PDB file of N, CA and C in Angstrom:
ATOM      1  N   SER A   1     133.976  90.732  88.443  1.00  0.00           N
ATOM      2  CA  SER A   1     132.350  91.037  88.316  1.00  0.00           C
ATOM      3  C   SER A   1     132.235  91.176  86.737  1.00  0.00           C
ATOM      4  N   GLN A   2     132.983  91.338  85.928  1.00  0.00           N
ATOM      5  CA  GLN A   2     132.956  91.343  84.595  1.00  0.00           C
ATOM      6  C   GLN A   2     133.845  90.284  83.920  1.00  0.00           C
ATOM      7  N   PRO A   3     133.460  89.210  83.467  1.00  0.00           N
ATOM      8  CA  PRO A   3     134.185  88.072  82.894  1.00  0.00           C
ATOM      9  C   PRO A   3     134.458  88.659  81.488  1.00  0.00           C
ATOM     10  N   ASP A   4     135.820  88.364  81.112  1.00  0.00           N
ATOM     11  CA  ASP A   4     136.390  88.612  79.777  1.00  0.00           C
ATOM     12  C   ASP A   4     135.917  87.617  78.624  1.00  0.00           C
ATOM     13  N   THR A   5     135.549  86.519  79.042  1.00  0.00           N
ATOM     14  CA  THR A   5     134.927  85.681  78.153  1.00  0.00           C
ATOM     15  C   THR A   5     133.664  84.872  78.709  1.00  0.00           C
ATOM     16  N   VAL A   6     133.008  84.266  77.803  1.00  0.00           N
ATOM     17  CA  VAL A   6     131.850  83.433  78.174  1.00  0.00           C
ATOM     18  C   VAL A   6     132.465  81.927  77.829  1.00  0.00           C
ATOM     19  N   VAL A   7     132.284  80.994  78.842  1.00  0.00           N
ATOM     20  CA  VAL A   7     132.819  79.642  78.505  1.00  0.00           C
ATOM     21  C   VAL A   7     131.453  78.749  78.847  1.00  0.00           C
ATOM     22  N   LEU A   8     131.468  77.831  77.799  1.00  0.00           N
ATOM     23  CA  LEU A   8     130.566  76.810  77.918  1.00  0.00           C
ATOM     24  C   LEU A   8     131.334  75.466  78.009  1.00  0.00           C
ATOM     25  N   ARG A   9     131.060  74.527  78.975  1.00  0.00           N
ATOM     26  CA  ARG A   9     132.042  73.348  78.985  1.00  0.00           C
ATOM     27  C   ARG A   9     131.263  72.154  79.324  1.00  0.00           C
ATOM     28  N   ARG A  10     131.893  71.134  79.069  1.00  0.00           N
ATOM     29  CA  ARG A  10     131.520  69.545  79.329  1.00  0.00           C
ATOM     30  C   ARG A  10     132.745  68.798  79.962  1.00  0.00           C
ATOM     31  N   ASP A  11     132.685  68.401  81.048  1.00  0.00           N
ATOM     32  CA  ASP A  11     133.896  67.802  81.852  1.00  0.00           C
ATOM     33  C   ASP A  11     133.793  66.269  81.396  1.00  0.00           C
ATOM     34  N   PHE A  12     134.979  65.720  81.204  1.00  0.00           N
ATOM     35  CA  PHE A  12     134.925  64.195  81.112  1.00  0.00           C
ATOM     36  C   PHE A  12     136.351  63.604  81.490  1.00  0.00           C
ATOM     37  N   PRO A  13     136.405  62.193  81.886  1.00  0.00           N
ATOM     38  CA  PRO A  13     137.580  61.818  82.244  1.00  0.00           C
ATOM     39  C   PRO A  13     138.643  61.390  81.022  1.00  0.00           C
ATOM     40  N   THR A  14     139.931  61.494  81.289  1.00  0.00           N
ATOM     41  CA  THR A  14     140.875  61.102  79.953  1.00  0.00           C
ATOM     42  C   THR A  14     141.754  60.136  80.418  1.00  0.00           C
ATOM     43  N   GLU A  15     142.415  59.311  79.341  1.00  0.00           N
ATOM     44  CA  GLU A  15     143.391  58.507  79.559  1.00  0.00           C
ATOM     45  C   GLU A  15     144.696  58.900  78.897  1.00  0.00           C
ATOM     46  N   GLN A  16     145.770  58.834  79.557  1.00  0.00           N
ATOM     47  CA  GLN A  16     147.082  59.257  78.779  1.00  0.00           C
ATOM     48  C   GLN A  16     147.276  58.460  77.470  1.00  0.00           C
ATOM     49  N   GLY A  17     147.552  59.352  76.525  1.00  0.00           N
ATOM     50  CA  GLY A  17     148.028  58.674  75.223  1.00  0.00           C
ATOM     51  C   GLY A  17     146.878  58.479  74.273  1.00  0.00           C
ATOM     52  N   ARG A  18     145.617  58.509  75.090  1.00  0.00           N
ATOM     53  CA  ARG A  18     144.531  58.255  74.063  1.00  0.00           C
ATOM     54  C   ARG A  18     143.812  59.518  73.414  1.00  0.00           C
ATOM     55  N   GLU A  19     143.449  59.410  72.034  1.00  0.00           N
ATOM     56  CA  GLU A  19     143.041  60.444  71.148  1.00  0.00           C
ATOM     57  C   GLU A  19     141.660  60.632  71.343  1.00  0.00           C
ATOM     58  N   TYR A  20     141.206  61.892  71.455  1.00  0.00           N
ATOM     59  CA  TYR A  20     139.913  62.462  71.645  1.00  0.00           C
ATOM     60  C   TYR A  20     139.493  63.233  70.408  1.00  0.00           C
ATOM     61  N   THR A  21     138.325  63.263  70.001  1.00  0.00           N
ATOM     62  CA  THR A  21     137.800  64.092  68.802  1.00  0.00           C
ATOM     63  C   THR A  21     136.900  65.011  69.551  1.00  0.00           C
ATOM     64  N   GLY A  22     137.158  66.224  69.273  1.00  0.00           N
ATOM     65  CA  GLY A  22     136.207  67.542  69.655  1.00  0.00           C
ATOM     66  C   GLY A  22     135.510  67.894  68.423  1.00  0.00           C
ATOM     67  N   SER A  23     134.392  67.869  68.542  1.00  0.00           N
ATOM     68  CA  SER A  23     133.475  68.209  67.236  1.00  0.00           C
ATOM     69  C   SER A  23     132.133  68.896  67.767  1.00  0.00           C
ATOM     70  N   ALA A  24     131.664  70.040  67.009  1.00  0.00           N
ATOM     71  CA  ALA A  24     130.453  70.586  67.323  1.00  0.00           C
ATOM     72  C   ALA A  24     129.817  71.381  66.070  1.00  0.00           C
ATOM     73  N   SER A  25     128.649  71.406  65.957  1.00  0.00           N
ATOM     74  CA  SER A  25     127.941  72.233  64.945  1.00  0.00           C
ATOM     75  C   SER A  25     127.617  73.579  65.588  1.00  0.00           C
ATOM     76  N   LEU A  26     127.964  74.687  64.908  1.00  0.00           N
ATOM     77  CA  LEU A  26     127.757  76.001  65.559  1.00  0.00           C
ATOM     78  C   LEU A  26     127.201  77.092  64.615  1.00  0.00           C
ATOM     79  N   ARG A  27     126.527  78.014  64.927  1.00  0.00           N
ATOM     80  CA  ARG A  27     126.006  79.079  64.259  1.00  0.00           C
ATOM     81  C   ARG A  27     125.940  80.372  65.198  1.00  0.00           C
ATOM     82  N   ALA A  28     125.694  81.497  64.688  1.00  0.00           N
ATOM     83  CA  ALA A  28     125.705  82.768  65.358  1.00  0.00           C
ATOM     84  C   ALA A  28     124.719  83.779  64.455  1.00  0.00           C
ATOM     85  N   GLU A  29     124.085  84.617  64.945  1.00  0.00           N
ATOM     86  CA  GLU A  29     123.286  85.537  64.243  1.00  0.00           C
ATOM     87  C   GLU A  29     124.124  86.439  63.633  1.00  0.00           C
ATOM     88  N   GLN A  30     125.336  86.921  63.952  1.00  0.00           N
ATOM     89  CA  GLN A  30     126.241  87.643  63.410  1.00  0.00           C
ATOM     90  C   GLN A  30     127.540  86.926  63.326  1.00  0.00           C
ATOM     91  N   ALA A  31     128.457  87.501  62.703  1.00  0.00           N
ATOM     92  CA  ALA A  31     129.977  86.981  62.621  1.00  0.00           C
ATOM     93  C   ALA A  31     130.530  87.008  63.886  1.00  0.00           C
ATOM     94  N   THR A  32     131.005  85.818  64.638  1.00  0.00           N
ATOM     95  CA  THR A  32     131.440  85.752  65.915  1.00  0.00           C
ATOM     96  C   THR A  32     132.355  84.760  65.964  1.00  0.00           C
ATOM     97  N   PRO A  33     133.711  85.264  66.381  1.00  0.00           N
ATOM     98  CA  PRO A  33     134.765  84.094  66.592  1.00  0.00           C
ATOM     99  C   PRO A  33     134.700  83.407  67.809  1.00  0.00           C
ATOM    100  N   ILE A  34     134.640  81.979  67.824  1.00  0.00           N
ATOM    101  CA  ILE A  34     134.580  81.200  68.875  1.00  0.00           C
ATOM    102  C   ILE A  34     135.767  80.166  68.820  1.00  0.00           C
ATOM    103  N   THR A  35     136.259  79.947  69.885  1.00  0.00           N
ATOM    104  CA  THR A  35     137.250  78.992  70.270  1.00  0.00           C
ATOM    105  C   THR A  35     136.721  77.738  70.904  1.00  0.00           C
ATOM    106  N   VAL A  36     137.081  76.579  70.306  1.00  0.00           N
ATOM    107  CA  VAL A  36     136.614  75.432  70.873  1.00  0.00           C
ATOM    108  C   VAL A  36     137.945  74.688  71.306  1.00  0.00           C
ATOM    109  N   ARG A  37     138.064  74.043  72.568  1.00  0.00           N
ATOM    110  CA  ARG A  37     139.330  73.486  72.804  1.00  0.00           C
ATOM    111  C   ARG A  37     138.995  72.188  73.839  1.00  0.00           C
ATOM    112  N   ILE A  38     139.990  71.287  73.986  1.00  0.00           N
ATOM    113  CA  ILE A  38     140.029  70.286  74.931  1.00  0.00           C
ATOM    114  C   ILE A  38     141.165  70.539  75.790  1.00  0.00           C
ATOM    115  N   ARG A  39     140.710  70.862  77.183  1.00  0.00           N
ATOM    116  CA  ARG A  39     141.861  71.408  78.258  1.00  0.00           C
ATOM    117  C   ARG A  39     141.815  70.509  79.493  1.00  0.00           C
ATOM    118  N   LYS A  40     142.964  70.317  79.883  1.00  0.00           N
ATOM    119  CA  LYS A  40     143.034  69.770  81.330  1.00  0.00           C
ATOM    120  C   LYS A  40     142.339  70.655  82.328  1.00  0.00           C
ATOM    121  N   ASN A  41     141.728  69.976  83.200  1.00  0.00           N
ATOM    122  CA  ASN A  41     140.970  70.789  84.322  1.00  0.00           C
ATOM    123  C   ASN A  41     141.959  71.141  85.624  1.00  0.00           C
ATOM    124  N   ASP A  42     142.949  70.498  85.670  1.00  0.00           N
ATOM    125  CA  ASP A  42     144.074  70.888  86.897  1.00  0.00           C
ATOM    126  C   ASP A  42     145.229  71.484  86.436  1.00  0.00           C
ATOM    127  N   PRO A  43     145.910  72.144  87.411  1.00  0.00           N
ATOM    128  CA  PRO A  43     147.195  72.895  86.867  1.00  0.00           C
ATOM    129  C   PRO A  43     148.050  71.851  86.127  1.00  0.00           C
ATOM    130  N   PRO A  44     148.601  72.164  85.229  1.00  0.00           N
ATOM    131  CA  PRO A  44     148.825  73.581  84.534  1.00  0.00           C
ATOM    132  C   PRO A  44     147.885  73.811  83.588  1.00  0.00           C
ATOM    133  N   TYR A  45     146.603  73.367  83.591  1.00  0.00           N
ATOM    134  CA  TYR A  45     145.472  73.628  82.608  1.00  0.00           C
ATOM    135  C   TYR A  45     145.875  73.449  81.044  1.00  0.00           C
ATOM    136  N   THR A  46     146.587  72.473  80.743  1.00  0.00           N
ATOM    137  CA  THR A  46     147.261  72.342  79.615  1.00  0.00           C
ATOM    138  C   THR A  46     146.193  72.166  78.450  1.00  0.00           C
ATOM    139  N   ILE A  47     146.327  72.804  77.350  1.00  0.00           N
ATOM    140  CA  ILE A  47     145.466  72.654  76.278  1.00  0.00           C
ATOM    141  C   ILE A  47     145.916  71.583  75.199  1.00  0.00           C
ATOM    142  N   TRP A  48     145.035  70.488  75.139  1.00  0.00           N
ATOM    143  CA  TRP A  48     145.567  69.282  74.098  1.00  0.00           C
ATOM    144  C   TRP A  48     144.906  69.497  72.937  1.00  0.00           C
ATOM    145  N   GLY A  49     144.160  70.327  72.499  1.00  0.00           N
ATOM    146  CA  GLY A  49     143.752  70.605  71.235  1.00  0.00           C
ATOM    147  C   GLY A  49     142.829  72.062  71.015  1.00  0.00           C
ATOM    148  N   GLN A  50     142.802  72.758  70.127  1.00  0.00           N
ATOM    149  CA  GLN A  50     142.114  73.946  70.186  1.00  0.00           C
ATOM    150  C   GLN A  50     142.127  74.511  68.706  1.00  0.00           C
ATOM    151  N   ARG A  51     140.891  74.831  68.347  1.00  0.00           N
ATOM    152  CA  ARG A  51     140.677  75.575  67.155  1.00  0.00           C
ATOM    153  C   ARG A  51     139.733  76.986  67.264  1.00  0.00           C
ATOM    154  N   THR A  52     139.943  78.018  66.580  1.00  0.00           N
ATOM    155  CA  THR A  52     139.242  79.104  66.424  1.00  0.00           C
ATOM    156  C   THR A  52     138.692  79.303  65.287  1.00  0.00           C
ATOM    157  N   ILE A  53     137.324  79.570  65.167  1.00  0.00           N
ATOM    158  CA  ILE A  53     136.694  79.759  63.851  1.00  0.00           C
ATOM    159  C   ILE A  53     135.903  80.974  63.895  1.00  0.00           C
ATOM    160  N   GLN A  54     135.451  81.534  62.683  1.00  0.00           N
ATOM    161  CA  GLN A  54     134.664  82.559  62.592  1.00  0.00           C
ATOM    162  C   GLN A  54     133.180  81.753  62.385  1.00  0.00           C
ATOM    163  N   VAL A  55     132.095  82.050  63.229  1.00  0.00           N
ATOM    164  CA  VAL A  55     130.880  81.715  63.031  1.00  0.00           C
ATOM    165  C   VAL A  55     129.793  82.504  62.609  1.00  0.00           C
ATOM    166  N   GLY A  56     129.012  82.268  61.580  1.00  0.00           N
ATOM    167  CA  GLY A  56     128.113  83.131  61.124  1.00  0.00           C
ATOM    168  C   GLY A  56     126.625  82.493  60.981  1.00  0.00           C
ATOM    169  N   PRO A  57     125.707  82.953  60.346  1.00  0.00           N
ATOM    170  CA  PRO A  57     124.338  82.444  60.449  1.00  0.00           C
ATOM    171  C   PRO A  57     124.255  80.970  59.726  1.00  0.00           C
ATOM    172  N   ALA A  58     124.964  80.681  59.006  1.00  0.00           N
ATOM    173  CA  ALA A  58     124.984  79.286  58.489  1.00  0.00           C
ATOM    174  C   ALA A  58     125.588  78.096  59.400  1.00  0.00           C
ATOM    175  N   TRP A  59     124.989  77.080  59.548  1.00  0.00           N
ATOM    176  CA  TRP A  59     125.490  75.988  60.461  1.00  0.00           C
ATOM    177  C   TRP A  59     126.761  75.534  59.919  1.00  0.00           C
ATOM    178  N   GLN A  60     128.067  75.562  60.711  1.00  0.00           N
ATOM    179  CA  GLN A  60     129.159  74.909  60.235  1.00  0.00           C
ATOM    180  C   GLN A  60     129.696  73.872  61.470  1.00  0.00           C
ATOM    181  N   THR A  61     130.461  72.729  61.096  1.00  0.00           N
ATOM    182  CA  THR A  61     130.985  71.902  62.183  1.00  0.00           C
ATOM    183  C   THR A  61     132.302  72.122  62.188  1.00  0.00           C
ATOM    184  N   VAL A  62     133.012  72.368  63.422  1.00  0.00           N
ATOM    185  CA  VAL A  62     134.428  72.299  63.711  1.00  0.00           C
ATOM    186  C   VAL A  62     134.705  71.030  64.386  1.00  0.00           C
ATOM    187  N   SER A  63     135.785  70.520  63.980  1.00  0.00           N
ATOM    188  CA  SER A  63     136.229  69.219  64.565  1.00  0.00           C
ATOM    189  C   SER A  63     137.883  69.048  64.512  1.00  0.00           C
ATOM    190  N   PHE A  64     138.334  68.407  65.628  1.00  0.00           N
ATOM    191  CA  PHE A  64     139.740  68.276  65.601  1.00  0.00           C
ATOM    192  C   PHE A  64     139.980  67.193  66.411  1.00  0.00           C
ATOM    193  N   LEU A  65     141.163  66.558  66.471  1.00  0.00           N
ATOM    194  CA  LEU A  65     141.847  65.441  67.322  1.00  0.00           C
ATOM    195  C   LEU A  65     142.664  66.281  68.546  1.00  0.00           C
ATOM    196  N   ALA A  66     142.768  65.419  69.720  1.00  0.00           N
ATOM    197  CA  ALA A  66     143.626  65.913  70.733  1.00  0.00           C
ATOM    198  C   ALA A  66     143.947  64.673  71.505  1.00  0.00           C
ATOM    199  N   ALA A  67     145.312  64.468  71.690  1.00  0.00           N
ATOM    200  CA  ALA A  67     145.764  63.601  72.650  1.00  0.00           C
ATOM    201  C   ALA A  67     146.061  63.873  73.816  1.00  0.00           C
ATOM    202  N   ALA A  68     145.452  63.174  75.023  1.00  0.00           N
ATOM    203  CA  ALA A  68     145.545  63.428  76.156  1.00  0.00           C
ATOM    204  C   ALA A  68     146.974  63.209  76.763  1.00  0.00           C
ATOM    205  N   GLY A  69     147.515  64.193  77.341  1.00  0.00           N
ATOM    206  CA  GLY A  69     148.953  64.104  77.953  1.00  0.00           C
ATOM    207  C   GLY A  69     149.095  63.333  79.212  1.00  0.00           C
ATOM    208  N   ASP A  70     147.945  63.152  79.943  1.00  0.00           N
ATOM    209  CA  ASP A  70     147.887  62.216  81.111  1.00  0.00           C
ATOM    210  C   ASP A  70     146.602  61.767  81.412  1.00  0.00           C
ATOM    211  N   SER A  71     146.359  60.920  82.398  1.00  0.00           N
ATOM    212  CA  SER A  71     144.989  60.536  82.784  1.00  0.00           C
ATOM    213  C   SER A  71     144.646  61.451  83.827  1.00  0.00           C
ATOM    214  N   SER A  72     143.443  62.293  83.628  1.00  0.00           N
ATOM    215  CA  SER A  72     142.950  63.189  84.502  1.00  0.00           C
ATOM    216  C   SER A  72     141.686  63.605  84.121  1.00  0.00           C
ATOM    217  N   SER A  73     141.324  64.628  84.566  1.00  0.00           N
ATOM    218  CA  SER A  73     139.949  65.116  84.303  1.00  0.00           C
ATOM    219  C   SER A  73     140.059  66.386  83.104  1.00  0.00           C
ATOM    220  N   ALA A  74     139.352  66.506  82.073  1.00  0.00           N
ATOM    221  CA  ALA A  74     139.422  67.555  81.046  1.00  0.00           C
ATOM    222  C   ALA A  74     138.202  68.007  80.877  1.00  0.00           C
ATOM    223  N   ARG A  75     138.257  69.000  79.978  1.00  0.00           N
ATOM    224  CA  ARG A  75     136.970  69.611  79.598  1.00  0.00           C
ATOM    225  C   ARG A  75     136.987  70.046  78.066  1.00  0.00           C
ATOM    226  N   PHE A  76     135.718  69.772  77.473  1.00  0.00           N
ATOM    227  CA  PHE A  76     135.731  70.135  76.049  1.00  0.00           C
ATOM    228  C   PHE A  76     134.859  71.582  76.190  1.00  0.00           C
ATOM    229  N   GLU A  77     135.450  72.600  75.780  1.00  0.00           N
ATOM    230  CA  GLU A  77     134.956  74.149  76.079  1.00  0.00           C
ATOM    231  C   GLU A  77     134.862  74.919  74.844  1.00  0.00           C
ATOM    232  N   PHE A  78     133.762  75.705  74.851  1.00  0.00           N
ATOM    233  CA  PHE A  78     133.515  76.748  73.802  1.00  0.00           C
ATOM    234  C   PHE A  78     133.796  78.192  74.494  1.00  0.00           C
ATOM    235  N   SER A  79     134.554  78.978  73.953  1.00  0.00           N
ATOM    236  CA  SER A  79     134.605  80.293  74.585  1.00  0.00           C
ATOM    237  C   SER A  79     134.364  81.358  73.384  1.00  0.00           C
ATOM    238  N   LEU A  80     133.810  82.502  73.966  1.00  0.00           N
ATOM    239  CA  LEU A  80     133.854  83.750  72.963  1.00  0.00           C
ATOM    240  C   LEU A  80     133.958  85.045  73.889  1.00  0.00           C
ATOM    241  N   SER A  81     134.464  85.995  73.119  1.00  0.00           N
ATOM    242  CA  SER A  81     134.753  87.329  73.932  1.00  0.00           C
ATOM    243  C   SER A  81     133.318  88.028  74.394  1.00  0.00           C
ATOM    244  N   ASP A  82     133.419  88.622  75.306  1.00  0.00           N
ATOM    245  CA  ASP A  82     131.903  89.261  75.694  1.00  0.00           C
ATOM    246  C   ASP A  82     131.743  90.440  74.977  1.00  0.00           C
ATOM    247  N   ALA A  83     132.760  90.835  74.118  1.00  0.00           N
ATOM    248  CA  ALA A  83     132.506  92.040  73.344  1.00  0.00           C
ATOM    249  C   ALA A  83     131.488  91.412  72.196  1.00  0.00           C
ATOM    250  N   ASN A  84     131.275  90.243  72.162  1.00  0.00           N
ATOM    251  CA  ASN A  84     130.265  89.821  71.076  1.00  0.00           C
ATOM    252  C   ASN A  84     128.923  89.385  71.529  1.00  0.00           C
ATOM    253  N   ILE A  85     128.651  89.649  72.678  1.00  0.00           N
ATOM    254  CA  ILE A  85     127.466  89.110  73.450  1.00  0.00           C
ATOM    255  C   ILE A  85     126.119  90.204  73.285  1.00  0.00           C
TER     256      ILE A  85
END
């Protein structure tokens, strides 16, 4: 009933060995740690790329490369602790 994180995500298909760029412009009213990742949708839910940054009132862009380990469905997701909501 009480989630320990808030997750926003966008699903997309992947091809094994192909590189994907995850990039987003983020800001928050107060200092907030946000984790951005590319993750497989199926077990074992492998994370192919991840960055955690401290976001504040100024816009900042986080970007990273991730290589898909197999051809499947993955997600580009943002998560933050509910303690910051």
